[in-house]
């Protein structure tokens, strides 16, 4: 970020809008071209702004990628936190969220997967990429205290998300719930 001025600018409505515009342009590129297509120049072109403006808000490519991944994972985090805190059937809620990856949430889920996979090569992305897994583990802990079952549940949720993105048909939340439930102990909470 450029000196202290960028921090002040982000607090203004215009600064927040500009930052959001840059992040959305980044996600558009990730969805269309993959994460390797993201550069300050391509983002600026997609957003219809100058490259120097993207650099003002995001000094490095990692800063830009972290912000894009954060915008996606924050939405998932909010949904999962609500399931953990208030849902009568958090498993069904998670199944619905995962199933959205085959429909209206496909583009954002695809961008999240792409950026999360990139985290294996870009350490700056790792803490944000782990949020999904951490939140799914928190949800599993509402259903069991078995560490092995929690780990299997997280792996199953990850695998289902990937499989849905690879398939070319709508996902069935009931089936997803059933599959997720198979990794939980029968005597869970």
C-alpha atoms as a PDB file:
ATOM      1  CA  UNK A   1       0.000   0.000   0.000  1.00  0.00           C
ATOM      2  CA  UNK A   2       1.297   3.484  -0.757  1.00  0.00           C
ATOM      3  CA  UNK A   3       2.486   5.277   2.363  1.00  0.00           C
ATOM      4  CA  UNK A   4      -0.168   6.183   4.904  1.00  0.00           C
ATOM      5  CA  UNK A   5      -2.304   7.864   2.264  1.00  0.00           C
ATOM      6  CA  UNK A   6      -3.738   4.561   0.986  1.00  0.00           C
ATOM      7  CA  UNK A   7      -4.959   3.665   4.450  1.00  0.00           C
ATOM      8  CA  UNK A   8      -6.803   6.980   4.767  1.00  0.00           C
ATOM      9  CA  UNK A   9      -8.279   6.637   1.273  1.00  0.00           C
ATOM     10  CA  UNK A  10      -9.663   3.140   2.050  1.00  0.00           C
ATOM     11  CA  UNK A  11     -11.764   4.626   4.814  1.00  0.00           C
ATOM     12  CA  UNK A  12     -13.638   6.816   2.380  1.00  0.00           C
ATOM     13  CA  UNK A  13     -16.596   5.429   0.460  1.00  0.00           C
ATOM     14  CA  UNK A  14     -14.796   6.140  -2.807  1.00  0.00           C
ATOM     15  CA  UNK A  15     -11.658   4.335  -1.624  1.00  0.00           C
ATOM     16  CA  UNK A  16     -13.675   1.286  -0.519  1.00  0.00           C
ATOM     17  CA  UNK A  17     -15.530   1.234  -3.840  1.00  0.00           C
ATOM     18  CA  UNK A  18     -12.292   1.476  -5.821  1.00  0.00           C
ATOM     19  CA  UNK A  19     -10.719  -1.315  -3.790  1.00  0.00           C
ATOM     20  CA  UNK A  20     -13.823  -3.500  -4.284  1.00  0.00           C
ATOM     21  CA  UNK A  21     -13.743  -2.733  -8.026  1.00  0.00           C
ATOM     22  CA  UNK A  22     -10.125  -3.913  -8.235  1.00  0.00           C
ATOM     23  CA  UNK A  23     -10.879  -7.061  -6.240  1.00  0.00           C
ATOM     24  CA  UNK A  24     -13.882  -7.884  -8.433  1.00  0.00           C
ATOM     25  CA  UNK A  25     -11.779  -7.363 -11.571  1.00  0.00           C
ATOM     26  CA  UNK A  26      -9.195  -9.740 -10.105  1.00  0.00           C
ATOM     27  CA  UNK A  27     -11.858 -12.387  -9.463  1.00  0.00           C
ATOM     28  CA  UNK A  28     -13.184 -11.953 -12.997  1.00  0.00           C
ATOM     29  CA  UNK A  29      -9.722 -12.670 -14.377  1.00  0.00           C
ATOM     30  CA  UNK A  30      -9.265 -15.677 -12.095  1.00  0.00           C
ATOM     31  CA  UNK A  31     -12.605 -17.124 -13.220  1.00  0.00           C
ATOM     32  CA  UNK A  32     -11.912 -16.475 -16.891  1.00  0.00           C
ATOM     33  CA  UNK A  33      -8.149 -17.037 -17.224  1.00  0.00           C
ATOM     34  CA  UNK A  34      -7.049 -18.652 -13.976  1.00  0.00           C
ATOM     35  CA  UNK A  35      -4.841 -17.171 -11.289  1.00  0.00           C
ATOM     36  CA  UNK A  36      -1.849 -17.105 -13.619  1.00  0.00           C
ATOM     37  CA  UNK A  37      -3.677 -14.468 -15.684  1.00  0.00           C
ATOM     38  CA  UNK A  38      -3.652 -11.994 -12.797  1.00  0.00           C
ATOM     39  CA  UNK A  39      -1.192  -9.134 -13.088  1.00  0.00           C
ATOM     40  CA  UNK A  40      -1.568  -5.514 -12.072  1.00  0.00           C
ATOM     41  CA  UNK A  41      -1.813  -4.657 -15.761  1.00  0.00           C
ATOM     42  CA  UNK A  42      -4.564  -7.212 -16.560  1.00  0.00           C
ATOM     43  CA  UNK A  43      -6.542  -6.206 -13.482  1.00  0.00           C
ATOM     44  CA  UNK A  44      -6.264  -2.521 -14.365  1.00  0.00           C
ATOM     45  CA  UNK A  45      -7.457  -3.225 -17.899  1.00  0.00           C
ATOM     46  CA  UNK A  46     -10.389  -5.317 -16.623  1.00  0.00           C
ATOM     47  CA  UNK A  47     -11.341  -2.610 -14.115  1.00  0.00           C
ATOM     48  CA  UNK A  48     -10.913   0.204 -16.638  1.00  0.00           C
ATOM     49  CA  UNK A  49      -8.336   2.027 -14.511  1.00  0.00           C
ATOM     50  CA  UNK A  50      -4.616   2.700 -14.622  1.00  0.00           C
ATOM     51  CA  UNK A  51      -2.052   0.167 -13.472  1.00  0.00           C
ATOM     52  CA  UNK A  52      -0.671   2.729 -11.039  1.00  0.00           C
ATOM     53  CA  UNK A  53      -4.043   2.827  -9.307  1.00  0.00           C
ATOM     54  CA  UNK A  54      -4.017  -0.939  -8.741  1.00  0.00           C
ATOM     55  CA  UNK A  55      -0.504  -0.566  -7.351  1.00  0.00           C
ATOM     56  CA  UNK A  56      -1.684   2.219  -5.061  1.00  0.00           C
ATOM     57  CA  UNK A  57      -4.222  -0.094  -3.415  1.00  0.00           C
ATOM     58  CA  UNK A  58      -2.246  -3.335  -3.727  1.00  0.00           C
ATOM     59  CA  UNK A  59       1.515  -2.837  -3.753  1.00  0.00           C
ATOM     60  CA  UNK A  60       2.323  -6.444  -4.645  1.00  0.00           C
ATOM     61  CA  UNK A  61       0.662  -9.189  -6.621  1.00  0.00           C
ATOM     62  CA  UNK A  62       0.397 -11.206  -3.399  1.00  0.00           C
ATOM     63  CA  UNK A  63      -1.489  -8.300  -1.766  1.00  0.00           C
ATOM     64  CA  UNK A  64      -3.930  -8.347  -4.666  1.00  0.00           C
ATOM     65  CA  UNK A  65      -4.385 -12.135  -4.614  1.00  0.00           C
ATOM     66  CA  UNK A  66      -4.813 -12.182  -0.819  1.00  0.00           C
ATOM     67  CA  UNK A  67      -7.506  -9.503  -1.064  1.00  0.00           C
ATOM     68  CA  UNK A  68      -9.333 -11.436  -3.794  1.00  0.00           C
ATOM     69  CA  UNK A  69      -9.212 -14.712  -1.885  1.00  0.00           C
ATOM     70  CA  UNK A  70     -10.238 -12.935   1.319  1.00  0.00           C
ATOM     71  CA  UNK A  71     -13.310 -11.475  -0.358  1.00  0.00           C
ATOM     72  CA  UNK A  72     -14.459 -14.966  -1.362  1.00  0.00           C
ATOM     73  CA  UNK A  73     -13.563 -16.731   1.874  1.00  0.00           C
ATOM     74  CA  UNK A  74     -15.158 -14.019   4.013  1.00  0.00           C
ATOM     75  CA  UNK A  75     -18.517 -14.777   2.406  1.00  0.00           C
ATOM     76  CA  UNK A  76     -18.074 -18.501   3.084  1.00  0.00           C
ATOM     77  CA  UNK A  77     -16.864 -17.810   6.619  1.00  0.00           C
ATOM     78  CA  UNK A  78     -19.938 -15.719   7.399  1.00  0.00           C
ATOM     79  CA  UNK A  79     -22.256 -18.441   6.134  1.00  0.00           C
ATOM     80  CA  UNK A  80     -20.511 -21.240   7.990  1.00  0.00           C
ATOM     81  CA  UNK A  81     -20.298 -19.200  11.208  1.00  0.00           C
ATOM     82  CA  UNK A  82     -24.074 -18.678  11.041  1.00  0.00           C
ATOM     83  CA  UNK A  83     -24.538 -22.427  10.579  1.00  0.00           C
ATOM     84  CA  UNK A  84     -22.312 -23.160  13.572  1.00  0.00           C
ATOM     85  CA  UNK A  85     -24.026 -20.575  15.760  1.00  0.00           C
ATOM     86  CA  UNK A  86     -27.688 -20.889  14.822  1.00  0.00           C
ATOM     87  CA  UNK A  87     -28.579 -23.768  12.505  1.00  0.00           C
ATOM     88  CA  UNK A  88     -30.773 -26.610  13.690  1.00  0.00           C
ATOM     89  CA  UNK A  89     -29.109 -28.839  11.100  1.00  0.00           C
ATOM     90  CA  UNK A  90     -25.641 -27.432  10.296  1.00  0.00           C
ATOM     91  CA  UNK A  91     -24.878 -30.477   8.161  1.00  0.00           C
ATOM     92  CA  UNK A  92     -27.801 -29.698   5.833  1.00  0.00           C
ATOM     93  CA  UNK A  93     -26.724 -26.043   5.713  1.00  0.00           C
ATOM     94  CA  UNK A  94     -23.191 -27.012   4.713  1.00  0.00           C
ATOM     95  CA  UNK A  95     -24.573 -29.405   2.091  1.00  0.00           C
ATOM     96  CA  UNK A  96     -26.626 -26.550   0.631  1.00  0.00           C
ATOM     97  CA  UNK A  97     -23.562 -24.289   0.563  1.00  0.00           C
ATOM     98  CA  UNK A  98     -21.459 -26.941  -1.166  1.00  0.00           C
ATOM     99  CA  UNK A  99     -24.242 -27.688  -3.664  1.00  0.00           C
ATOM    100  CA  UNK A 100     -24.344 -24.024  -4.687  1.00  0.00           C
ATOM    101  CA  UNK A 101     -20.968 -24.647  -6.344  1.00  0.00           C
ATOM    102  CA  UNK A 102     -22.838 -26.354  -9.178  1.00  0.00           C
ATOM    103  CA  UNK A 103     -25.203 -23.429  -9.706  1.00  0.00           C
ATOM    104  CA  UNK A 104     -25.325 -19.797  -8.688  1.00  0.00           C
ATOM    105  CA  UNK A 105     -22.142 -19.973  -6.596  1.00  0.00           C
ATOM    106  CA  UNK A 106     -20.059 -21.795  -9.195  1.00  0.00           C
ATOM    107  CA  UNK A 107     -17.991 -18.846 -10.386  1.00  0.00           C
ATOM    108  CA  UNK A 108     -17.030 -17.719  -6.889  1.00  0.00           C
ATOM    109  CA  UNK A 109     -16.341 -21.314  -5.803  1.00  0.00           C
ATOM    110  CA  UNK A 110     -14.142 -21.794  -8.847  1.00  0.00           C
ATOM    111  CA  UNK A 111     -12.181 -18.638  -8.042  1.00  0.00           C
ATOM    112  CA  UNK A 112     -11.808 -19.733  -4.409  1.00  0.00           C
ATOM    113  CA  UNK A 113     -10.512 -23.181  -5.440  1.00  0.00           C
ATOM    114  CA  UNK A 114      -8.118 -21.697  -7.961  1.00  0.00           C
ATOM    115  CA  UNK A 115      -6.685 -19.222  -5.451  1.00  0.00           C
ATOM    116  CA  UNK A 116      -6.584 -21.795  -2.643  1.00  0.00           C
ATOM    117  CA  UNK A 117      -4.613 -24.163  -4.860  1.00  0.00           C
ATOM    118  CA  UNK A 118      -2.244 -21.321  -5.690  1.00  0.00           C
ATOM    119  CA  UNK A 119      -1.590 -21.020  -1.933  1.00  0.00           C
ATOM    120  CA  UNK A 120       0.529 -24.174  -2.163  1.00  0.00           C
ATOM    121  CA  UNK A 121       3.027 -22.083  -4.118  1.00  0.00           C
ATOM    122  CA  UNK A 122       2.378 -18.657  -2.578  1.00  0.00           C
ATOM    123  CA  UNK A 123       2.723 -18.704   1.213  1.00  0.00           C
ATOM    124  CA  UNK A 124       1.026 -15.293   1.588  1.00  0.00           C
ATOM    125  CA  UNK A 125      -2.257 -16.915   0.527  1.00  0.00           C
ATOM    126  CA  UNK A 126      -2.077 -19.858   2.950  1.00  0.00           C
ATOM    127  CA  UNK A 127      -3.686 -18.314   6.051  1.00  0.00           C
ATOM    128  CA  UNK A 128      -6.681 -17.156   4.031  1.00  0.00           C
ATOM    129  CA  UNK A 129      -6.910 -20.438   2.109  1.00  0.00           C
ATOM    130  CA  UNK A 130      -7.079 -22.327   5.406  1.00  0.00           C
ATOM    131  CA  UNK A 131     -10.177 -20.423   6.554  1.00  0.00           C
ATOM    132  CA  UNK A 132     -12.596 -22.701   4.700  1.00  0.00           C
ATOM    133  CA  UNK A 133     -11.040 -25.794   6.257  1.00  0.00           C
ATOM    134  CA  UNK A 134     -10.928 -24.220   9.725  1.00  0.00           C
ATOM    135  CA  UNK A 135     -14.565 -23.196   9.554  1.00  0.00           C
ATOM    136  CA  UNK A 136     -15.703 -26.580   8.260  1.00  0.00           C
ATOM    137  CA  UNK A 137     -13.766 -28.164  11.146  1.00  0.00           C
ATOM    138  CA  UNK A 138     -15.573 -25.850  13.591  1.00  0.00           C
ATOM    139  CA  UNK A 139     -18.880 -26.956  12.113  1.00  0.00           C
ATOM    140  CA  UNK A 140     -17.854 -30.624  12.460  1.00  0.00           C
ATOM    141  CA  UNK A 141     -17.002 -30.007  16.112  1.00  0.00           C
ATOM    142  CA  UNK A 142     -20.666 -29.187  16.714  1.00  0.00           C
ATOM    143  CA  UNK A 143     -21.427 -32.748  15.612  1.00  0.00           C
ATOM    144  CA  UNK A 144     -18.532 -34.755  17.088  1.00  0.00           C
ATOM    145  CA  UNK A 145     -15.429 -34.398  19.213  1.00  0.00           C
ATOM    146  CA  UNK A 146     -13.565 -37.206  17.418  1.00  0.00           C
ATOM    147  CA  UNK A 147     -10.436 -35.581  15.857  1.00  0.00           C
ATOM    148  CA  UNK A 148     -10.196 -38.252  13.157  1.00  0.00           C
ATOM    149  CA  UNK A 149     -13.826 -37.799  12.171  1.00  0.00           C
ATOM    150  CA  UNK A 150     -13.359 -34.022  12.058  1.00  0.00           C
ATOM    151  CA  UNK A 151     -10.336 -34.406   9.782  1.00  0.00           C
ATOM    152  CA  UNK A 152     -12.232 -36.840   7.520  1.00  0.00           C
ATOM    153  CA  UNK A 153     -15.227 -34.485   7.442  1.00  0.00           C
ATOM    154  CA  UNK A 154     -13.073 -31.565   6.302  1.00  0.00           C
ATOM    155  CA  UNK A 155     -11.391 -33.716   3.651  1.00  0.00           C
ATOM    156  CA  UNK A 156     -14.777 -34.973   2.456  1.00  0.00           C
ATOM    157  CA  UNK A 157     -16.158 -31.416   2.211  1.00  0.00           C
ATOM    158  CA  UNK A 158     -13.076 -30.355   0.222  1.00  0.00           C
ATOM    159  CA  UNK A 159     -13.355 -33.356  -2.060  1.00  0.00           C
ATOM    160  CA  UNK A 160     -17.057 -32.810  -2.667  1.00  0.00           C
ATOM    161  CA  UNK A 161     -16.446 -29.172  -3.584  1.00  0.00           C
ATOM    162  CA  UNK A 162     -13.780 -30.189  -6.076  1.00  0.00           C
ATOM    163  CA  UNK A 163     -15.918 -32.985  -7.551  1.00  0.00           C
ATOM    164  CA  UNK A 164     -18.844 -30.614  -8.008  1.00  0.00           C
ATOM    165  CA  UNK A 165     -16.666 -28.126  -9.863  1.00  0.00           C
ATOM    166  CA  UNK A 166     -15.477 -30.925 -12.165  1.00  0.00           C
ATOM    167  CA  UNK A 167     -18.962 -32.300 -12.851  1.00  0.00           C
ATOM    168  CA  UNK A 168     -21.292 -30.795 -15.371  1.00  0.00           C
ATOM    169  CA  UNK A 169     -24.621 -31.192 -13.583  1.00  0.00           C
ATOM    170  CA  UNK A 170     -26.499 -29.848 -10.582  1.00  0.00           C
ATOM    171  CA  UNK A 171     -25.454 -31.126  -7.169  1.00  0.00           C
ATOM    172  CA  UNK A 172     -28.014 -32.683  -4.833  1.00  0.00           C
ATOM    173  CA  UNK A 173     -27.797 -31.195  -1.317  1.00  0.00           C
ATOM    174  CA  UNK A 174     -29.515 -34.276   0.143  1.00  0.00           C
ATOM    175  CA  UNK A 175     -26.891 -36.551  -1.352  1.00  0.00           C
ATOM    176  CA  UNK A 176     -24.083 -34.258  -0.173  1.00  0.00           C
ATOM    177  CA  UNK A 177     -25.537 -34.274   3.353  1.00  0.00           C
ATOM    178  CA  UNK A 178     -25.721 -38.068   3.283  1.00  0.00           C
ATOM    179  CA  UNK A 179     -22.103 -38.418   2.114  1.00  0.00           C
ATOM    180  CA  UNK A 180     -20.834 -35.924   4.707  1.00  0.00           C
ATOM    181  CA  UNK A 181     -22.751 -37.744   7.426  1.00  0.00           C
ATOM    182  CA  UNK A 182     -20.992 -41.031   6.615  1.00  0.00           C
ATOM    183  CA  UNK A 183     -17.705 -39.761   8.022  1.00  0.00           C
ATOM    184  CA  UNK A 184     -19.233 -38.790  11.365  1.00  0.00           C
ATOM    185  CA  UNK A 185     -19.422 -41.313  14.195  1.00  0.00           C
ATOM    186  CA  UNK A 186     -22.911 -42.697  14.697  1.00  0.00           C
ATOM    187  CA  UNK A 187     -22.740 -41.656  18.342  1.00  0.00           C
ATOM    188  CA  UNK A 188     -21.778 -38.043  17.569  1.00  0.00           C
ATOM    189  CA  UNK A 189     -23.362 -35.210  19.489  1.00  0.00           C
END
